[in-house]
């Protein structure tokens, strides 16, 4: 048990420390709101795509495809959305879609990826990247669908929004390009690869500082019951259901670890943007993002202790 606890803290403590540093740096004037916004854009549009592209393009693509892992994740997320939708039937339209989206949509690109790297090393980046690419598409489709259904928006807008959100996502574009290079065995010039690595190496530290700096512990003002249920669903129920399903179908080691850490990551920051664009309760989305981010280190630590003690990862 102590060994499992030590492993869990080794994985989650650096994440929590970097988040707290970002929060402290902003409050003491070492970072600014403008830096947080610019840094977050830089991570999403440049450094994180570089990180994923480089790791996918230099790896055997066939070995990255894990049908059992990906199939399990897709089925469980669809099932989770159905259950969350049924559970939220009495909520106001502006809150229902936001609640469901925030309770299943994970911050895989920053927190999930950082947890996976801490747990299994940099070698996990390529396979985690393929998982991220596919699930980002799934998350975008489901998020637009639940927000549209809750707001009773026209179906033709639904297809257009889904197409735009997928085709314009830098992470998906980077991983698709990486897969093409891997399959064709083409290689970029070494100077360009080195420059890309410089950018890639910035990703996780900068991203975590920006996430920490964007936290606001004093602004949680939304419906307390909704916040609590969304946080429990996001950090405990959905990853717990996914992990149990993974164990039952035989997932072990890094595959099970990716499934748990990615589904157990906090609510994605993109949930706020999409909620605002689709006239949902954006304040509720912001509150859920903040609360799930604060408690992720603790929920992930507990989950890792259980999985490690059971010798499943």
C-alpha atoms as a PDB file:
ATOM      1  CA  UNK A   1       0.000   0.000   0.000  1.00  0.00           C
ATOM      2  CA  UNK A   2       2.796   2.443   0.871  1.00  0.00           C
ATOM      3  CA  UNK A   3       4.526   1.669  -2.419  1.00  0.00           C
ATOM      4  CA  UNK A   4       1.295   2.338  -4.305  1.00  0.00           C
ATOM      5  CA  UNK A   5       0.798   5.603  -2.420  1.00  0.00           C
ATOM      6  CA  UNK A   6       4.357   6.667  -3.208  1.00  0.00           C
ATOM      7  CA  UNK A   7       3.763   5.949  -6.905  1.00  0.00           C
ATOM      8  CA  UNK A   8       0.511   7.927  -6.913  1.00  0.00           C
ATOM      9  CA  UNK A   9       2.080  10.955  -5.228  1.00  0.00           C
ATOM     10  CA  UNK A  10       5.014  10.848  -7.641  1.00  0.00           C
ATOM     11  CA  UNK A  11       2.523  11.113 -10.497  1.00  0.00           C
ATOM     12  CA  UNK A  12       0.156  13.755  -9.113  1.00  0.00           C
ATOM     13  CA  UNK A  13       2.313  15.950  -6.842  1.00  0.00           C
ATOM     14  CA  UNK A  14       4.240  17.670  -9.676  1.00  0.00           C
ATOM     15  CA  UNK A  15       0.952  18.501 -11.404  1.00  0.00           C
ATOM     16  CA  UNK A  16      -0.552  19.982  -8.244  1.00  0.00           C
ATOM     17  CA  UNK A  17       2.672  21.892  -7.495  1.00  0.00           C
ATOM     18  CA  UNK A  18       2.788  23.454 -10.978  1.00  0.00           C
ATOM     19  CA  UNK A  19      -0.894  24.429 -10.763  1.00  0.00           C
ATOM     20  CA  UNK A  20      -0.311  26.081  -7.378  1.00  0.00           C
ATOM     21  CA  UNK A  21       2.776  27.837  -8.732  1.00  0.00           C
ATOM     22  CA  UNK A  22       0.742  29.275 -11.607  1.00  0.00           C
ATOM     23  CA  UNK A  23      -1.903  30.460  -9.144  1.00  0.00           C
ATOM     24  CA  UNK A  24       0.719  31.999  -6.822  1.00  0.00           C
ATOM     25  CA  UNK A  25       2.711  33.624  -9.636  1.00  0.00           C
ATOM     26  CA  UNK A  26      -0.415  35.386 -10.937  1.00  0.00           C
ATOM     27  CA  UNK A  27      -1.453  36.597  -7.483  1.00  0.00           C
ATOM     28  CA  UNK A  28       2.043  37.997  -6.820  1.00  0.00           C
ATOM     29  CA  UNK A  29       2.333  39.744 -10.176  1.00  0.00           C
ATOM     30  CA  UNK A  30       4.931  37.406 -11.681  1.00  0.00           C
ATOM     31  CA  UNK A  31       2.397  36.405 -14.328  1.00  0.00           C
ATOM     32  CA  UNK A  32      -0.335  38.567 -15.805  1.00  0.00           C
ATOM     33  CA  UNK A  33      -3.808  37.811 -17.124  1.00  0.00           C
ATOM     34  CA  UNK A  34      -2.553  38.689 -20.620  1.00  0.00           C
ATOM     35  CA  UNK A  35       0.324  36.210 -20.236  1.00  0.00           C
ATOM     36  CA  UNK A  36      -2.113  33.475 -19.142  1.00  0.00           C
ATOM     37  CA  UNK A  37      -4.322  34.076 -22.184  1.00  0.00           C
ATOM     38  CA  UNK A  38      -1.408  34.318 -24.622  1.00  0.00           C
ATOM     39  CA  UNK A  39       0.366  31.322 -23.072  1.00  0.00           C
ATOM     40  CA  UNK A  40      -2.770  29.198 -23.268  1.00  0.00           C
ATOM     41  CA  UNK A  41      -3.205  30.081 -26.957  1.00  0.00           C
ATOM     42  CA  UNK A  42       0.463  29.297 -27.610  1.00  0.00           C
ATOM     43  CA  UNK A  43       0.118  25.881 -25.960  1.00  0.00           C
ATOM     44  CA  UNK A  44      -3.087  24.928 -27.760  1.00  0.00           C
ATOM     45  CA  UNK A  45      -2.105  26.215 -31.194  1.00  0.00           C
ATOM     46  CA  UNK A  46       1.665  25.612 -31.307  1.00  0.00           C
ATOM     47  CA  UNK A  47       3.576  23.790 -28.576  1.00  0.00           C
ATOM     48  CA  UNK A  48       1.124  20.958 -27.805  1.00  0.00           C
ATOM     49  CA  UNK A  49       0.538  20.195 -31.502  1.00  0.00           C
ATOM     50  CA  UNK A  50       4.359  20.108 -31.931  1.00  0.00           C
ATOM     51  CA  UNK A  51       4.689  17.692 -29.020  1.00  0.00           C
ATOM     52  CA  UNK A  52       2.047  15.326 -30.371  1.00  0.00           C
ATOM     53  CA  UNK A  53       3.208  15.605 -33.986  1.00  0.00           C
ATOM     54  CA  UNK A  54       6.837  14.774 -33.160  1.00  0.00           C
ATOM     55  CA  UNK A  55       5.974  11.782 -30.988  1.00  0.00           C
ATOM     56  CA  UNK A  56       3.423  10.306 -33.395  1.00  0.00           C
ATOM     57  CA  UNK A  57       5.480  10.896 -36.560  1.00  0.00           C
ATOM     58  CA  UNK A  58       8.533   9.071 -35.203  1.00  0.00           C
ATOM     59  CA  UNK A  59       6.678   6.002 -33.899  1.00  0.00           C
ATOM     60  CA  UNK A  60       5.369   2.827 -35.526  1.00  0.00           C
ATOM     61  CA  UNK A  61       1.774   3.855 -36.200  1.00  0.00           C
ATOM     62  CA  UNK A  62       0.453   0.277 -36.242  1.00  0.00           C
ATOM     63  CA  UNK A  63       1.651  -0.217 -32.676  1.00  0.00           C
ATOM     64  CA  UNK A  64      -0.213   2.918 -31.604  1.00  0.00           C
ATOM     65  CA  UNK A  65      -3.657   1.628 -32.584  1.00  0.00           C
ATOM     66  CA  UNK A  66      -5.213  -0.122 -29.600  1.00  0.00           C
ATOM     67  CA  UNK A  67      -8.723  -1.173 -30.708  1.00  0.00           C
ATOM     68  CA  UNK A  68      -9.713  -2.550 -27.321  1.00  0.00           C
ATOM     69  CA  UNK A  69      -8.679   0.638 -25.478  1.00  0.00           C
ATOM     70  CA  UNK A  70     -10.223   3.013 -27.998  1.00  0.00           C
ATOM     71  CA  UNK A  71     -13.408   0.984 -28.396  1.00  0.00           C
ATOM     72  CA  UNK A  72     -13.881   0.761 -24.626  1.00  0.00           C
ATOM     73  CA  UNK A  73     -13.370   4.517 -24.208  1.00  0.00           C
ATOM     74  CA  UNK A  74     -15.872   5.414 -26.937  1.00  0.00           C
ATOM     75  CA  UNK A  75     -18.573   3.042 -25.667  1.00  0.00           C
ATOM     76  CA  UNK A  76     -18.211   4.173 -22.050  1.00  0.00           C
ATOM     77  CA  UNK A  77     -18.278   7.882 -22.915  1.00  0.00           C
ATOM     78  CA  UNK A  78     -21.432   7.409 -24.999  1.00  0.00           C
ATOM     79  CA  UNK A  79     -23.007   5.462 -22.128  1.00  0.00           C
ATOM     80  CA  UNK A  80     -21.933   8.128 -19.627  1.00  0.00           C
ATOM     81  CA  UNK A  81     -23.506  10.880 -21.752  1.00  0.00           C
ATOM     82  CA  UNK A  82     -26.801   8.974 -21.930  1.00  0.00           C
ATOM     83  CA  UNK A  83     -26.868   8.452 -18.146  1.00  0.00           C
ATOM     84  CA  UNK A  84     -25.905  12.073 -17.442  1.00  0.00           C
ATOM     85  CA  UNK A  85     -28.570  13.287 -19.867  1.00  0.00           C
ATOM     86  CA  UNK A  86     -31.245  11.231 -18.110  1.00  0.00           C
ATOM     87  CA  UNK A  87     -30.019  12.364 -14.688  1.00  0.00           C
ATOM     88  CA  UNK A  88     -30.157  16.057 -15.699  1.00  0.00           C
ATOM     89  CA  UNK A  89     -33.714  15.940 -17.063  1.00  0.00           C
ATOM     90  CA  UNK A  90     -35.108  18.413 -14.506  1.00  0.00           C
ATOM     91  CA  UNK A  91     -32.444  21.081 -15.079  1.00  0.00           C
ATOM     92  CA  UNK A  92     -33.015  24.333 -16.942  1.00  0.00           C
ATOM     93  CA  UNK A  93     -32.087  24.126 -20.664  1.00  0.00           C
ATOM     94  CA  UNK A  94     -29.163  26.559 -20.293  1.00  0.00           C
ATOM     95  CA  UNK A  95     -27.714  24.413 -17.507  1.00  0.00           C
ATOM     96  CA  UNK A  96     -28.527  20.902 -18.698  1.00  0.00           C
ATOM     97  CA  UNK A  97     -26.236  20.779 -21.724  1.00  0.00           C
ATOM     98  CA  UNK A  98     -23.424  22.516 -19.822  1.00  0.00           C
ATOM     99  CA  UNK A  99     -23.728  20.097 -16.897  1.00  0.00           C
ATOM    100  CA  UNK A 100     -23.588  17.037 -19.158  1.00  0.00           C
ATOM    101  CA  UNK A 101     -20.696  18.389 -21.241  1.00  0.00           C
ATOM    102  CA  UNK A 102     -18.617  19.347 -18.213  1.00  0.00           C
ATOM    103  CA  UNK A 103     -19.276  16.021 -16.486  1.00  0.00           C
ATOM    104  CA  UNK A 104     -17.714  13.939 -19.285  1.00  0.00           C
ATOM    105  CA  UNK A 105     -15.360  16.163 -21.319  1.00  0.00           C
ATOM    106  CA  UNK A 106     -11.752  15.851 -20.133  1.00  0.00           C
ATOM    107  CA  UNK A 107      -8.739  18.146 -20.268  1.00  0.00           C
ATOM    108  CA  UNK A 108      -6.721  15.379 -21.932  1.00  0.00           C
ATOM    109  CA  UNK A 109      -4.241  17.587 -23.762  1.00  0.00           C
ATOM    110  CA  UNK A 110      -2.734  19.192 -20.663  1.00  0.00           C
ATOM    111  CA  UNK A 111      -3.601  17.521 -17.361  1.00  0.00           C
ATOM    112  CA  UNK A 112      -4.375  14.048 -18.732  1.00  0.00           C
ATOM    113  CA  UNK A 113      -1.199  13.996 -20.815  1.00  0.00           C
ATOM    114  CA  UNK A 114       0.915  15.325 -17.941  1.00  0.00           C
ATOM    115  CA  UNK A 115      -0.409  12.643 -15.584  1.00  0.00           C
ATOM    116  CA  UNK A 116       0.240   9.910 -18.163  1.00  0.00           C
ATOM    117  CA  UNK A 117       3.821  11.086 -18.742  1.00  0.00           C
ATOM    118  CA  UNK A 118       4.515  11.251 -15.004  1.00  0.00           C
ATOM    119  CA  UNK A 119       3.098   7.773 -14.539  1.00  0.00           C
ATOM    120  CA  UNK A 120       4.654   5.974 -17.521  1.00  0.00           C
ATOM    121  CA  UNK A 121       7.358   8.211 -18.988  1.00  0.00           C
ATOM    122  CA  UNK A 122       7.716  10.040 -22.299  1.00  0.00           C
ATOM    123  CA  UNK A 123       7.330   6.786 -24.221  1.00  0.00           C
ATOM    124  CA  UNK A 124       3.590   6.977 -23.570  1.00  0.00           C
ATOM    125  CA  UNK A 125       3.174  10.212 -25.540  1.00  0.00           C
ATOM    126  CA  UNK A 126       2.607   8.652 -28.967  1.00  0.00           C
ATOM    127  CA  UNK A 127      -0.075   6.155 -27.917  1.00  0.00           C
ATOM    128  CA  UNK A 128      -1.679   8.723 -25.609  1.00  0.00           C
ATOM    129  CA  UNK A 129      -1.653  11.146 -28.543  1.00  0.00           C
ATOM    130  CA  UNK A 130      -3.611   8.770 -30.782  1.00  0.00           C
ATOM    131  CA  UNK A 131      -6.108   8.229 -27.953  1.00  0.00           C
ATOM    132  CA  UNK A 132      -6.333  12.011 -27.516  1.00  0.00           C
ATOM    133  CA  UNK A 133      -6.969  12.618 -31.224  1.00  0.00           C
ATOM    134  CA  UNK A 134      -9.813  10.105 -31.503  1.00  0.00           C
ATOM    135  CA  UNK A 135     -11.439  11.059 -28.214  1.00  0.00           C
ATOM    136  CA  UNK A 136     -11.173  14.775 -29.010  1.00  0.00           C
ATOM    137  CA  UNK A 137     -13.337  14.107 -32.065  1.00  0.00           C
ATOM    138  CA  UNK A 138     -15.790  12.086 -29.943  1.00  0.00           C
ATOM    139  CA  UNK A 139     -15.880  14.768 -27.243  1.00  0.00           C
ATOM    140  CA  UNK A 140     -16.508  17.536 -29.777  1.00  0.00           C
ATOM    141  CA  UNK A 141     -19.360  15.643 -31.430  1.00  0.00           C
ATOM    142  CA  UNK A 142     -21.034  14.801 -28.127  1.00  0.00           C
ATOM    143  CA  UNK A 143     -20.497  18.252 -26.620  1.00  0.00           C
ATOM    144  CA  UNK A 144     -22.106  20.007 -29.582  1.00  0.00           C
ATOM    145  CA  UNK A 145     -24.915  17.431 -29.600  1.00  0.00           C
ATOM    146  CA  UNK A 146     -25.866  17.794 -25.916  1.00  0.00           C
ATOM    147  CA  UNK A 147     -25.609  21.596 -25.942  1.00  0.00           C
ATOM    148  CA  UNK A 148     -27.747  21.765 -29.103  1.00  0.00           C
ATOM    149  CA  UNK A 149     -30.317  19.299 -27.771  1.00  0.00           C
ATOM    150  CA  UNK A 150     -30.606  21.167 -24.480  1.00  0.00           C
ATOM    151  CA  UNK A 151     -31.108  24.481 -26.274  1.00  0.00           C
ATOM    152  CA  UNK A 152     -33.286  22.957 -29.047  1.00  0.00           C
ATOM    153  CA  UNK A 153     -31.050  24.387 -31.762  1.00  0.00           C
ATOM    154  CA  UNK A 154     -31.617  23.488 -35.465  1.00  0.00           C
ATOM    155  CA  UNK A 155     -30.079  20.227 -36.690  1.00  0.00           C
ATOM    156  CA  UNK A 156     -28.322  21.851 -39.672  1.00  0.00           C
ATOM    157  CA  UNK A 157     -26.392  24.058 -37.224  1.00  0.00           C
ATOM    158  CA  UNK A 158     -25.397  20.939 -35.297  1.00  0.00           C
ATOM    159  CA  UNK A 159     -23.603  19.318 -38.246  1.00  0.00           C
ATOM    160  CA  UNK A 160     -21.899  22.578 -39.177  1.00  0.00           C
ATOM    161  CA  UNK A 161     -20.629  23.176 -35.626  1.00  0.00           C
ATOM    162  CA  UNK A 162     -19.326  19.627 -35.311  1.00  0.00           C
ATOM    163  CA  UNK A 163     -17.489  19.876 -38.628  1.00  0.00           C
ATOM    164  CA  UNK A 164     -15.906  23.202 -37.744  1.00  0.00           C
ATOM    165  CA  UNK A 165     -14.835  22.110 -34.253  1.00  0.00           C
ATOM    166  CA  UNK A 166     -13.106  19.002 -35.623  1.00  0.00           C
ATOM    167  CA  UNK A 167     -11.522  20.417 -38.772  1.00  0.00           C
ATOM    168  CA  UNK A 168     -10.109  23.469 -36.999  1.00  0.00           C
ATOM    169  CA  UNK A 169      -8.685  21.657 -33.963  1.00  0.00           C
ATOM    170  CA  UNK A 170      -4.848  22.035 -34.008  1.00  0.00           C
ATOM    171  CA  UNK A 171      -4.347  18.849 -31.964  1.00  0.00           C
ATOM    172  CA  UNK A 172      -6.297  16.702 -34.415  1.00  0.00           C
ATOM    173  CA  UNK A 173      -4.510  18.296 -37.376  1.00  0.00           C
ATOM    174  CA  UNK A 174      -1.084  17.715 -35.797  1.00  0.00           C
ATOM    175  CA  UNK A 175      -1.773  14.053 -34.996  1.00  0.00           C
ATOM    176  CA  UNK A 176      -3.208  13.349 -38.465  1.00  0.00           C
ATOM    177  CA  UNK A 177      -0.084  14.877 -40.055  1.00  0.00           C
ATOM    178  CA  UNK A 178       2.081  12.842 -37.695  1.00  0.00           C
ATOM    179  CA  UNK A 179       0.265   9.654 -38.659  1.00  0.00           C
ATOM    180  CA  UNK A 180       0.792  10.447 -42.354  1.00  0.00           C
ATOM    181  CA  UNK A 181       4.535  10.913 -41.852  1.00  0.00           C
ATOM    182  CA  UNK A 182       4.725   7.735 -39.788  1.00  0.00           C
ATOM    183  CA  UNK A 183       2.901   5.669 -42.419  1.00  0.00           C
ATOM    184  CA  UNK A 184       4.918   7.082 -45.315  1.00  0.00           C
ATOM    185  CA  UNK A 185       8.172   6.935 -43.308  1.00  0.00           C
ATOM    186  CA  UNK A 186       9.049  10.457 -44.403  1.00  0.00           C
ATOM    187  CA  UNK A 187      11.361  12.473 -42.174  1.00  0.00           C
ATOM    188  CA  UNK A 188      11.624  16.216 -41.714  1.00  0.00           C
ATOM    189  CA  UNK A 189      15.037  17.940 -41.769  1.00  0.00           C
ATOM    190  CA  UNK A 190      16.915  17.548 -38.496  1.00  0.00           C
ATOM    191  CA  UNK A 191      17.081  21.312 -37.904  1.00  0.00           C
ATOM    192  CA  UNK A 192      13.293  21.494 -38.146  1.00  0.00           C
ATOM    193  CA  UNK A 193      12.857  18.520 -35.789  1.00  0.00           C
ATOM    194  CA  UNK A 194      15.205  20.164 -33.274  1.00  0.00           C
ATOM    195  CA  UNK A 195      13.278  23.441 -33.447  1.00  0.00           C
ATOM    196  CA  UNK A 196      10.051  21.510 -32.963  1.00  0.00           C
ATOM    197  CA  UNK A 197      11.489  19.785 -29.890  1.00  0.00           C
ATOM    198  CA  UNK A 198      12.353  23.171 -28.376  1.00  0.00           C
ATOM    199  CA  UNK A 199       8.705  24.152 -28.707  1.00  0.00           C
ATOM    200  CA  UNK A 200       7.453  20.741 -27.556  1.00  0.00           C
ATOM    201  CA  UNK A 201       9.559  20.859 -24.388  1.00  0.00           C
ATOM    202  CA  UNK A 202       7.755  24.039 -23.338  1.00  0.00           C
ATOM    203  CA  UNK A 203       4.337  22.438 -23.443  1.00  0.00           C
ATOM    204  CA  UNK A 204       3.573  20.823 -20.100  1.00  0.00           C
ATOM    205  CA  UNK A 205       5.282  23.365 -17.784  1.00  0.00           C
ATOM    206  CA  UNK A 206       3.769  26.343 -19.595  1.00  0.00           C
ATOM    207  CA  UNK A 207       0.356  24.705 -19.895  1.00  0.00           C
ATOM    208  CA  UNK A 208       0.173  23.797 -16.206  1.00  0.00           C
ATOM    209  CA  UNK A 209       1.278  27.276 -15.123  1.00  0.00           C
ATOM    210  CA  UNK A 210      -1.433  28.801 -17.318  1.00  0.00           C
ATOM    211  CA  UNK A 211      -4.096  26.431 -16.002  1.00  0.00           C
ATOM    212  CA  UNK A 212      -3.058  27.235 -12.426  1.00  0.00           C
ATOM    213  CA  UNK A 213      -3.034  30.964 -13.120  1.00  0.00           C
ATOM    214  CA  UNK A 214      -6.530  30.812 -14.574  1.00  0.00           C
ATOM    215  CA  UNK A 215      -7.996  29.271 -11.414  1.00  0.00           C
ATOM    216  CA  UNK A 216     -10.184  31.462  -9.233  1.00  0.00           C
ATOM    217  CA  UNK A 217     -10.981  29.923  -5.859  1.00  0.00           C
ATOM    218  CA  UNK A 218     -13.222  32.796  -4.827  1.00  0.00           C
ATOM    219  CA  UNK A 219     -15.573  32.969  -7.823  1.00  0.00           C
ATOM    220  CA  UNK A 220     -17.470  29.707  -7.301  1.00  0.00           C
ATOM    221  CA  UNK A 221     -20.979  31.103  -7.189  1.00  0.00           C
ATOM    222  CA  UNK A 222     -23.049  28.682  -9.252  1.00  0.00           C
ATOM    223  CA  UNK A 223     -25.637  26.177  -8.074  1.00  0.00           C
ATOM    224  CA  UNK A 224     -23.822  24.198  -5.393  1.00  0.00           C
ATOM    225  CA  UNK A 225     -25.659  20.938  -6.051  1.00  0.00           C
ATOM    226  CA  UNK A 226     -24.866  21.093  -9.764  1.00  0.00           C
ATOM    227  CA  UNK A 227     -21.201  21.823  -9.039  1.00  0.00           C
ATOM    228  CA  UNK A 228     -20.927  18.941  -6.594  1.00  0.00           C
ATOM    229  CA  UNK A 229     -22.664  16.428  -8.877  1.00  0.00           C
ATOM    230  CA  UNK A 230     -20.695  17.521 -11.931  1.00  0.00           C
ATOM    231  CA  UNK A 231     -17.407  17.220 -10.015  1.00  0.00           C
ATOM    232  CA  UNK A 232     -18.274  13.789  -8.613  1.00  0.00           C
ATOM    233  CA  UNK A 233     -19.345  12.598 -12.059  1.00  0.00           C
ATOM    234  CA  UNK A 234     -16.246  13.957 -13.793  1.00  0.00           C
ATOM    235  CA  UNK A 235     -13.610  12.819 -11.301  1.00  0.00           C
ATOM    236  CA  UNK A 236     -15.120   9.653  -9.820  1.00  0.00           C
ATOM    237  CA  UNK A 237     -18.135   8.153 -11.590  1.00  0.00           C
ATOM    238  CA  UNK A 238     -17.130   8.456 -15.268  1.00  0.00           C
ATOM    239  CA  UNK A 239     -13.468   7.369 -14.804  1.00  0.00           C
ATOM    240  CA  UNK A 240     -14.595   4.678 -12.364  1.00  0.00           C
ATOM    241  CA  UNK A 241     -17.062   3.273 -14.905  1.00  0.00           C
ATOM    242  CA  UNK A 242     -14.454   3.447 -17.683  1.00  0.00           C
ATOM    243  CA  UNK A 243     -11.779   1.741 -15.582  1.00  0.00           C
ATOM    244  CA  UNK A 244     -14.111  -1.014 -14.435  1.00  0.00           C
ATOM    245  CA  UNK A 245     -15.089  -1.685 -18.041  1.00  0.00           C
ATOM    246  CA  UNK A 246     -11.425  -1.677 -19.036  1.00  0.00           C
ATOM    247  CA  UNK A 247     -10.542  -4.218 -16.365  1.00  0.00           C
ATOM    248  CA  UNK A 248     -13.458  -6.463 -17.375  1.00  0.00           C
ATOM    249  CA  UNK A 249     -12.336  -6.568 -21.025  1.00  0.00           C
ATOM    250  CA  UNK A 250      -8.737  -7.295 -20.060  1.00  0.00           C
ATOM    251  CA  UNK A 251      -6.953  -3.923 -20.206  1.00  0.00           C
ATOM    252  CA  UNK A 252      -3.867  -3.746 -18.023  1.00  0.00           C
ATOM    253  CA  UNK A 253      -0.713  -1.671 -17.596  1.00  0.00           C
ATOM    254  CA  UNK A 254      -0.293   1.460 -19.701  1.00  0.00           C
ATOM    255  CA  UNK A 255      -3.541   0.951 -21.655  1.00  0.00           C
ATOM    256  CA  UNK A 256      -5.597   0.883 -18.469  1.00  0.00           C
ATOM    257  CA  UNK A 257      -3.539   3.772 -17.105  1.00  0.00           C
ATOM    258  CA  UNK A 258      -4.254   5.910 -20.171  1.00  0.00           C
ATOM    259  CA  UNK A 259      -7.965   5.105 -19.952  1.00  0.00           C
ATOM    260  CA  UNK A 260      -8.164   6.039 -16.271  1.00  0.00           C
ATOM    261  CA  UNK A 261      -5.989   9.156 -16.346  1.00  0.00           C
ATOM    262  CA  UNK A 262      -7.585  10.586 -19.494  1.00  0.00           C
ATOM    263  CA  UNK A 263     -11.177  10.030 -18.363  1.00  0.00           C
ATOM    264  CA  UNK A 264     -10.300  11.181 -14.840  1.00  0.00           C
ATOM    265  CA  UNK A 265      -8.714  14.472 -15.936  1.00  0.00           C
ATOM    266  CA  UNK A 266     -10.602  17.668 -15.008  1.00  0.00           C
ATOM    267  CA  UNK A 267     -13.166  19.300 -17.256  1.00  0.00           C
ATOM    268  CA  UNK A 268     -11.651  20.729 -20.449  1.00  0.00           C
ATOM    269  CA  UNK A 269     -11.292  24.498 -20.680  1.00  0.00           C
ATOM    270  CA  UNK A 270     -12.896  24.276 -24.134  1.00  0.00           C
ATOM    271  CA  UNK A 271     -16.163  23.479 -22.346  1.00  0.00           C
ATOM    272  CA  UNK A 272     -16.412  27.127 -21.247  1.00  0.00           C
ATOM    273  CA  UNK A 273     -15.812  28.438 -24.764  1.00  0.00           C
ATOM    274  CA  UNK A 274     -18.360  26.109 -26.337  1.00  0.00           C
ATOM    275  CA  UNK A 275     -20.933  26.791 -23.606  1.00  0.00           C
ATOM    276  CA  UNK A 276     -20.579  30.528 -24.220  1.00  0.00           C
ATOM    277  CA  UNK A 277     -20.820  30.147 -28.005  1.00  0.00           C
ATOM    278  CA  UNK A 278     -23.949  28.011 -27.778  1.00  0.00           C
ATOM    279  CA  UNK A 279     -25.739  30.203 -25.235  1.00  0.00           C
ATOM    280  CA  UNK A 280     -25.407  27.806 -22.325  1.00  0.00           C
ATOM    281  CA  UNK A 281     -24.632  28.741 -18.714  1.00  0.00           C
ATOM    282  CA  UNK A 282     -20.978  29.671 -19.239  1.00  0.00           C
ATOM    283  CA  UNK A 283     -20.543  30.687 -15.578  1.00  0.00           C
ATOM    284  CA  UNK A 284     -21.549  27.181 -14.508  1.00  0.00           C
ATOM    285  CA  UNK A 285     -19.004  25.742 -16.948  1.00  0.00           C
ATOM    286  CA  UNK A 286     -16.251  27.983 -15.546  1.00  0.00           C
ATOM    287  CA  UNK A 287     -17.112  26.938 -11.976  1.00  0.00           C
ATOM    288  CA  UNK A 288     -17.044  23.226 -12.845  1.00  0.00           C
ATOM    289  CA  UNK A 289     -13.709  23.606 -14.646  1.00  0.00           C
ATOM    290  CA  UNK A 290     -12.215  25.328 -11.590  1.00  0.00           C
ATOM    291  CA  UNK A 291     -13.575  22.822  -9.073  1.00  0.00           C
ATOM    292  CA  UNK A 292     -12.594  19.711 -11.026  1.00  0.00           C
ATOM    293  CA  UNK A 293      -9.116  21.123 -11.642  1.00  0.00           C
ATOM    294  CA  UNK A 294      -8.624  21.806  -7.933  1.00  0.00           C
ATOM    295  CA  UNK A 295      -9.617  18.273  -6.886  1.00  0.00           C
ATOM    296  CA  UNK A 296      -8.050  16.283  -9.736  1.00  0.00           C
ATOM    297  CA  UNK A 297      -4.757  15.657  -7.932  1.00  0.00           C
ATOM    298  CA  UNK A 298      -6.602  14.101  -4.985  1.00  0.00           C
ATOM    299  CA  UNK A 299      -9.025  11.961  -7.007  1.00  0.00           C
ATOM    300  CA  UNK A 300      -6.266  10.781  -9.365  1.00  0.00           C
ATOM    301  CA  UNK A 301      -4.008   9.916  -6.427  1.00  0.00           C
ATOM    302  CA  UNK A 302      -6.746   7.798  -4.858  1.00  0.00           C
ATOM    303  CA  UNK A 303      -7.466   6.036  -8.144  1.00  0.00           C
ATOM    304  CA  UNK A 304      -3.800   5.330  -8.817  1.00  0.00           C
ATOM    305  CA  UNK A 305      -3.342   3.892  -5.323  1.00  0.00           C
ATOM    306  CA  UNK A 306      -6.249   1.499  -5.909  1.00  0.00           C
ATOM    307  CA  UNK A 307      -5.048   0.428  -9.365  1.00  0.00           C
ATOM    308  CA  UNK A 308      -1.423   0.052  -8.259  1.00  0.00           C
ATOM    309  CA  UNK A 309      -2.356  -1.885  -5.112  1.00  0.00           C
ATOM    310  CA  UNK A 310      -4.435  -4.245  -7.255  1.00  0.00           C
ATOM    311  CA  UNK A 311      -1.431  -4.600  -9.626  1.00  0.00           C
ATOM    312  CA  UNK A 312      -3.536  -3.492 -12.590  1.00  0.00           C
ATOM    313  CA  UNK A 313      -1.056  -0.817 -13.733  1.00  0.00           C
END
